[in-house]
Amino acid sequence: MSQIDRIIQGGEELFLKAGIKSVTMDDIAKHLGMSKKTIYQYFKDKNELVIALVKRKLQEDEDQMCAIISNSGNVIEEMINMMKCSEEIFSRINPIVIHDMQKYHPDAWKHFQTFKTEVIVHTLEELLTKGIQQGYIRPDIDVKIMARMRVNQVEMGFNINIFPIAEFSTWTVQYQLLEHFNFGICTLKGYKLLNEYKNIANE
């Protein structure tokens, strides 16, 4: 693993535990057992490190989404696999990280927002269109509206003002929102298949 990869990974480990704001470059250096000077050779400040980390994570998420789509037999299977993939991602995310990024790292947040609108919304629109053609998704839905709604639903699930961490598990919130969305867009044929996959997943 290269030094850059090590630094990004070390930063990620600490940010996920404590949020971005409370972690210093000193903390990262100590965590990695390297000098702060070494870190500054690659990143001029914490903001630059946060941007590099966000870009990398978004690329990984995009690769994962593409893999799921190419390995799934139909849209319902894709939706179930996306759910599993989301569970893994959401269980790792500390809502404080989203809050800190929004408040203290606007450039990193902008990358996140651009990815959301350009990659995720576009992927969802394609997924829903394909689902309508396959007869699993209701033909009366507007895919552009539903794709945007879904992406913003995810963000709302991370909003600690709406869902305080002391009261709600981030993953439970996200799962409820996703399940509500999935069952809301399905035809009867899609509903039956979704239930079948759900039962298999729960066994």
Foldseek 3Di string as FASTA:
>chain_A
DDPLVLLLVLQLVVCLVPNNVVDALVNSCVSSVHDSVVVCVPPVGSLRSLLVNLVVVLVVVLVLLVVLVVPDDALLSSLVVVLVVVLVVQLSHDLSNVVCCVPPRVVSVVVVVCCLVPPQLVSQLVSQVRCVVVQFFDPPDDSNVLSVVLSVQLVVLSPCVVVPPVHDRSSVSNSVSSVVSQCVGTDPVNNVVNVVVVVVVVD
